Amino acid sequence: MPPLGPEDHSWAATPLPAAAFAEDEQTCLANGIYFEARGEKKEGQAAVAQVILNRVRNPAYPETICGVVYQNQSWKNRCQFSFACDGIKDRITDRRAYATAELIGHQVTNGEIWLSSVGSATNYHATYVSPRWAQAMKRVDKIGRHIFYRTINGGWDCEVAPIV
């Protein structure tokens, strides 16, 4: 279980289901890391993996990695992770980057990597966009070209945070 900080949500201490370690689930995690953050350093890729696994732990999201990564994939440009519903064929063109994504995915799943600055964050976005939902969350860190957020009240009873 990850070491939680004082502001992290209690659900983040929930152990991952055994299925999270299965090959198909790890492939979904590697795909999420690769297509969302392959241009980032190891820390940025681990942060994306941590968000995906935090969602698996959070009762407001699907209970599997594949369920989280591909949630709402049939909603054109409105799914949880843009690569899953952007209409572009997901082709792995950089085998080395994909191998790195696989390794980082395993390390985060196994608890070898936990970024306390990201903590129980369940959301992030690229620095070049400003989604509406970010106003209702607590910004926790910026790593590379992504900004990470933690929900207010655990994620199932969000209050709108004041715009600063």
C-alpha atoms as a PDB file:
ATOM      1  CA  MET A   1       0.000   0.000   0.000  1.00  0.00           C
ATOM      2  CA  PRO A   2       1.273   3.481  -0.762  1.00  0.00           C
ATOM      3  CA  PRO A   3       2.493   5.785   2.024  1.00  0.00           C
ATOM      4  CA  LEU A   4      -0.227   8.412   2.259  1.00  0.00           C
ATOM      5  CA  GLY A   5       0.296  12.042   3.124  1.00  0.00           C
ATOM      6  CA  PRO A   6      -2.001  13.984   5.448  1.00  0.00           C
ATOM      7  CA  GLU A   7      -4.057  15.417   2.543  1.00  0.00           C
ATOM      8  CA  ASP A   8      -4.387  12.164   0.610  1.00  0.00           C
ATOM      9  CA  HIS A   9      -7.754  10.436   0.471  1.00  0.00           C
ATOM     10  CA  SER A  10      -8.165   7.275   2.537  1.00  0.00           C
ATOM     11  CA  TRP A  11      -9.251   5.172  -0.456  1.00  0.00           C
ATOM     12  CA  ALA A  12      -5.683   5.525  -1.810  1.00  0.00           C
ATOM     13  CA  ALA A  13      -4.592   2.986   0.828  1.00  0.00           C
ATOM     14  CA  THR A  14      -6.816   0.326  -0.740  1.00  0.00           C
ATOM     15  CA  PRO A  15      -4.676  -2.514  -2.102  1.00  0.00           C
ATOM     16  CA  LEU A  16      -4.859  -3.008  -5.841  1.00  0.00           C
ATOM     17  CA  PRO A  17      -6.888  -6.042  -6.902  1.00  0.00           C
ATOM     18  CA  ALA A  18      -4.819  -9.109  -7.851  1.00  0.00           C
ATOM     19  CA  ALA A  19      -6.036  -8.715 -11.430  1.00  0.00           C
ATOM     20  CA  ALA A  20      -4.066  -5.448 -11.696  1.00  0.00           C
ATOM     21  CA  PHE A  21      -0.909  -7.527 -11.993  1.00  0.00           C
ATOM     22  CA  ALA A  22      -2.238  -9.604 -14.915  1.00  0.00           C
ATOM     23  CA  GLU A  23      -0.585  -9.207 -18.311  1.00  0.00           C
ATOM     24  CA  ASP A  24      -3.642  -7.707 -20.028  1.00  0.00           C
ATOM     25  CA  GLU A  25      -4.094  -5.120 -17.271  1.00  0.00           C
ATOM     26  CA  GLN A  26      -0.400  -4.221 -17.370  1.00  0.00           C
ATOM     27  CA  THR A  27      -0.672  -3.797 -21.142  1.00  0.00           C
ATOM     28  CA  CYS A  28      -3.498  -1.292 -20.637  1.00  0.00           C
ATOM     29  CA  LEU A  29      -1.344   0.560 -18.094  1.00  0.00           C
ATOM     30  CA  ALA A  30       1.656   0.607 -20.441  1.00  0.00           C
ATOM     31  CA  ASN A  31      -0.596   1.890 -23.243  1.00  0.00           C
ATOM     32  CA  GLY A  32      -1.862   4.674 -20.988  1.00  0.00           C
ATOM     33  CA  ILE A  33       1.665   5.682 -20.034  1.00  0.00           C
ATOM     34  CA  TYR A  34       2.993   5.435 -23.588  1.00  0.00           C
ATOM     35  CA  PHE A  35       0.233   7.341 -25.341  1.00  0.00           C
ATOM     36  CA  GLU A  36      -0.231   9.955 -22.612  1.00  0.00           C
ATOM     37  CA  ALA A  37       3.340  10.581 -21.441  1.00  0.00           C
ATOM     38  CA  ARG A  38       6.033   8.850 -23.506  1.00  0.00           C
ATOM     39  CA  GLY A  39       7.807  12.179 -24.068  1.00  0.00           C
ATOM     40  CA  GLU A  40       8.115  12.766 -20.317  1.00  0.00           C
ATOM     41  CA  LYS A  41      10.958  11.749 -18.048  1.00  0.00           C
ATOM     42  CA  LYS A  42      10.518   8.739 -15.770  1.00  0.00           C
ATOM     43  CA  GLU A  43       8.901  10.854 -13.029  1.00  0.00           C
ATOM     44  CA  GLY A  44       6.254  12.210 -15.410  1.00  0.00           C
ATOM     45  CA  GLN A  45       5.439   8.759 -16.742  1.00  0.00           C
ATOM     46  CA  ALA A  46       5.242   7.362 -13.198  1.00  0.00           C
ATOM     47  CA  ALA A  47       2.882  10.186 -12.229  1.00  0.00           C
ATOM     48  CA  VAL A  48       0.506   9.244 -15.060  1.00  0.00           C
ATOM     49  CA  ALA A  49       0.675   5.591 -13.988  1.00  0.00           C
ATOM     50  CA  GLN A  50      -0.033   6.607 -10.398  1.00  0.00           C
ATOM     51  CA  VAL A  51      -3.133   8.549 -11.466  1.00  0.00           C
ATOM     52  CA  ILE A  52      -4.410   5.536 -13.408  1.00  0.00           C
ATOM     53  CA  LEU A  53      -3.860   3.230 -10.426  1.00  0.00           C
ATOM     54  CA  ASN A  54      -5.375   5.801  -8.052  1.00  0.00           C
ATOM     55  CA  ARG A  55      -8.530   5.653 -10.136  1.00  0.00           C
ATOM     56  CA  VAL A  56      -8.574   1.856  -9.809  1.00  0.00           C
ATOM     57  CA  ARG A  57      -8.442   2.322  -6.029  1.00  0.00           C
ATOM     58  CA  ASN A  58     -11.082   5.086  -6.008  1.00  0.00           C
ATOM     59  CA  PRO A  59     -14.663   3.766  -5.727  1.00  0.00           C
ATOM     60  CA  ALA A  60     -15.884   6.413  -8.194  1.00  0.00           C
ATOM     61  CA  TYR A  61     -14.027   4.781 -11.123  1.00  0.00           C
ATOM     62  CA  PRO A  62     -13.922   1.341 -12.763  1.00  0.00           C
ATOM     63  CA  GLU A  63     -12.236  -1.427 -10.746  1.00  0.00           C
ATOM     64  CA  THR A  64      -9.756  -2.451 -13.445  1.00  0.00           C
ATOM     65  CA  ILE A  65      -6.847  -0.724 -15.164  1.00  0.00           C
ATOM     66  CA  CYS A  66      -8.327  -1.384 -18.608  1.00  0.00           C
ATOM     67  CA  GLY A  67     -11.686  -0.103 -17.389  1.00  0.00           C
ATOM     68  CA  VAL A  68     -10.061   3.115 -16.183  1.00  0.00           C
ATOM     69  CA  VAL A  69      -7.842   3.678 -19.236  1.00  0.00           C
ATOM     70  CA  TYR A  70     -10.631   3.030 -21.740  1.00  0.00           C
ATOM     71  CA  GLN A  71     -13.543   4.493 -19.775  1.00  0.00           C
ATOM     72  CA  ASN A  72     -15.981   6.205 -22.162  1.00  0.00           C
ATOM     73  CA  GLN A  73     -13.805   5.390 -25.171  1.00  0.00           C
ATOM     74  CA  SER A  74     -16.894   5.406 -27.405  1.00  0.00           C
ATOM     75  CA  TRP A  75     -17.440   9.110 -26.631  1.00  0.00           C
ATOM     76  CA  LYS A  76     -15.549  10.911 -29.400  1.00  0.00           C
ATOM     77  CA  ASN A  77     -13.008  13.261 -27.754  1.00  0.00           C
ATOM     78  CA  ARG A  78     -14.808  13.044 -24.388  1.00  0.00           C
ATOM     79  CA  CYS A  79     -13.241  10.007 -22.757  1.00  0.00           C
ATOM     80  CA  GLN A  80     -10.981   9.936 -19.711  1.00  0.00           C
ATOM     81  CA  PHE A  81      -7.663   9.653 -21.590  1.00  0.00           C
ATOM     82  CA  SER A  82      -7.586  11.443 -24.935  1.00  0.00           C
ATOM     83  CA  PHE A  83      -5.677   8.772 -26.852  1.00  0.00           C
ATOM     84  CA  ALA A  84      -8.493   6.288 -26.209  1.00  0.00           C
ATOM     85  CA  CYS A  85     -11.125   8.238 -28.157  1.00  0.00           C
ATOM     86  CA  ASP A  86      -9.337  10.652 -30.472  1.00  0.00           C
ATOM     87  CA  GLY A  87     -10.073   8.569 -33.563  1.00  0.00           C
ATOM     88  CA  ILE A  88      -6.360   8.024 -34.260  1.00  0.00           C
ATOM     89  CA  LYS A  89      -5.194   4.421 -34.518  1.00  0.00           C
ATOM     90  CA  ASP A  90      -3.038   3.620 -31.480  1.00  0.00           C
ATOM     91  CA  ARG A  91       0.231   2.473 -33.020  1.00  0.00           C
ATOM     92  CA  ILE A  92       3.343   1.848 -30.983  1.00  0.00           C
ATOM     93  CA  THR A  93       6.114   3.326 -33.099  1.00  0.00           C
ATOM     94  CA  ASP A  94       8.878   3.603 -30.497  1.00  0.00           C
ATOM     95  CA  ARG A  95       9.588   0.161 -29.016  1.00  0.00           C
ATOM     96  CA  ARG A  96      12.160   1.522 -26.557  1.00  0.00           C
ATOM     97  CA  ALA A  97       9.690   4.084 -25.195  1.00  0.00           C
ATOM     98  CA  TYR A  98       7.048   1.361 -24.899  1.00  0.00           C
ATOM     99  CA  ALA A  99       9.452  -0.906 -23.005  1.00  0.00           C
ATOM    100  CA  THR A 100      10.112   1.993 -20.620  1.00  0.00           C
ATOM    101  CA  ALA A 101       6.359   2.490 -20.163  1.00  0.00           C
ATOM    102  CA  GLU A 102       5.978  -1.225 -19.366  1.00  0.00           C
ATOM    103  CA  LEU A 103       8.788  -1.109 -16.808  1.00  0.00           C
ATOM    104  CA  ILE A 104       7.468   2.028 -15.119  1.00  0.00           C
ATOM    105  CA  GLY A 105       3.962   0.556 -15.066  1.00  0.00           C
ATOM    106  CA  HIS A 106       5.238  -2.550 -13.281  1.00  0.00           C
ATOM    107  CA  GLN A 107       7.252  -0.463 -10.812  1.00  0.00           C
ATOM    108  CA  VAL A 108       4.293   1.750  -9.904  1.00  0.00           C
ATOM    109  CA  THR A 109       1.935  -1.230  -9.649  1.00  0.00           C
ATOM    110  CA  ASN A 110       4.402  -3.068  -7.400  1.00  0.00           C
ATOM    111  CA  GLY A 111       4.780  -0.030  -5.147  1.00  0.00           C
ATOM    112  CA  GLU A 112       8.437   0.481  -6.059  1.00  0.00           C
ATOM    113  CA  ILE A 113       7.581   4.022  -7.160  1.00  0.00           C
ATOM    114  CA  TRP A 114       5.180   6.313  -5.289  1.00  0.00           C
ATOM    115  CA  LEU A 115       5.322  10.062  -5.865  1.00  0.00           C
ATOM    116  CA  SER A 116       4.176  11.728  -2.666  1.00  0.00           C
ATOM    117  CA  SER A 117       3.781  15.031  -4.519  1.00  0.00           C
ATOM    118  CA  VAL A 118       1.139  13.394  -6.721  1.00  0.00           C
ATOM    119  CA  GLY A 119      -0.317  11.389  -3.813  1.00  0.00           C
ATOM    120  CA  SER A 120      -3.954  10.474  -4.338  1.00  0.00           C
ATOM    121  CA  ALA A 121      -4.383  12.606  -7.470  1.00  0.00           C
ATOM    122  CA  THR A 122      -6.918  11.210  -9.910  1.00  0.00           C
ATOM    123  CA  ASN A 123      -6.699  13.802 -12.655  1.00  0.00           C
ATOM    124  CA  TYR A 124      -4.171  15.625 -14.770  1.00  0.00           C
ATOM    125  CA  HIS A 125      -4.021  17.635 -17.945  1.00  0.00           C
ATOM    126  CA  ALA A 126      -1.379  18.932 -20.293  1.00  0.00           C
ATOM    127  CA  THR A 127      -0.027  22.386 -19.506  1.00  0.00           C
ATOM    128  CA  TYR A 128      -1.334  23.774 -22.799  1.00  0.00           C
ATOM    129  CA  VAL A 129      -5.018  23.181 -21.979  1.00  0.00           C
ATOM    130  CA  SER A 130      -7.334  24.605 -19.291  1.00  0.00           C
ATOM    131  CA  PRO A 131     -10.196  22.198 -18.647  1.00  0.00           C
ATOM    132  CA  ARG A 132     -13.238  23.381 -16.702  1.00  0.00           C
ATOM    133  CA  TRP A 133     -13.030  20.496 -14.243  1.00  0.00           C
ATOM    134  CA  ALA A 134      -9.676  21.738 -12.903  1.00  0.00           C
ATOM    135  CA  GLN A 135     -11.458  24.579 -11.088  1.00  0.00           C
ATOM    136  CA  ALA A 136     -13.240  22.043  -8.886  1.00  0.00           C
ATOM    137  CA  MET A 137     -10.051  20.282  -7.779  1.00  0.00           C
ATOM    138  CA  LYS A 138      -6.929  20.875  -5.717  1.00  0.00           C
ATOM    139  CA  ARG A 139      -3.801  21.311  -7.831  1.00  0.00           C
ATOM    140  CA  VAL A 140      -1.037  19.210  -6.268  1.00  0.00           C
ATOM    141  CA  ASP A 141       1.919  19.251  -8.653  1.00  0.00           C
ATOM    142  CA  LYS A 142       3.281  20.029 -12.096  1.00  0.00           C
ATOM    143  CA  ILE A 143       5.624  17.447 -13.543  1.00  0.00           C
ATOM    144  CA  GLY A 144       6.974  18.000 -17.018  1.00  0.00           C
ATOM    145  CA  ARG A 145       4.093  19.034 -19.248  1.00  0.00           C
ATOM    146  CA  HIS A 146       1.305  17.797 -16.966  1.00  0.00           C
ATOM    147  CA  ILE A 147      -0.510  19.352 -14.019  1.00  0.00           C
ATOM    148  CA  PHE A 148      -1.933  16.947 -11.425  1.00  0.00           C
ATOM    149  CA  TYR A 149      -5.049  17.335  -9.271  1.00  0.00           C
ATOM    150  CA  ARG A 150      -6.632  15.697  -6.244  1.00  0.00           C
ATOM    151  CA  THR A 151     -10.382  15.690  -5.821  1.00  0.00           C
ATOM    152  CA  ILE A 152     -12.031  17.482  -2.943  1.00  0.00           C
ATOM    153  CA  ASN A 153     -13.773  15.249  -0.383  1.00  0.00           C
ATOM    154  CA  GLY A 154     -12.468  12.020  -1.897  1.00  0.00           C
ATOM    155  CA  GLY A 155     -13.946  12.357  -5.352  1.00  0.00           C
ATOM    156  CA  TRP A 156     -17.569  11.352  -4.929  1.00  0.00           C
ATOM    157  CA  ASP A 157     -18.842  14.528  -3.248  1.00  0.00           C
ATOM    158  CA  CYS A 158     -16.822  17.303  -4.872  1.00  0.00           C
ATOM    159  CA  GLU A 159     -17.250  20.877  -3.809  1.00  0.00           C
ATOM    160  CA  VAL A 160     -16.273  23.602  -6.232  1.00  0.00           C
ATOM    161  CA  ALA A 161     -13.008  25.187  -5.197  1.00  0.00           C
ATOM    162  CA  PRO A 162     -12.748  28.957  -5.508  1.00  0.00           C
ATOM    163  CA  ILE A 163     -11.061  30.223  -8.656  1.00  0.00           C
ATOM    164  CA  VAL A 164      -7.735  31.717  -7.701  1.00  0.00           C
END
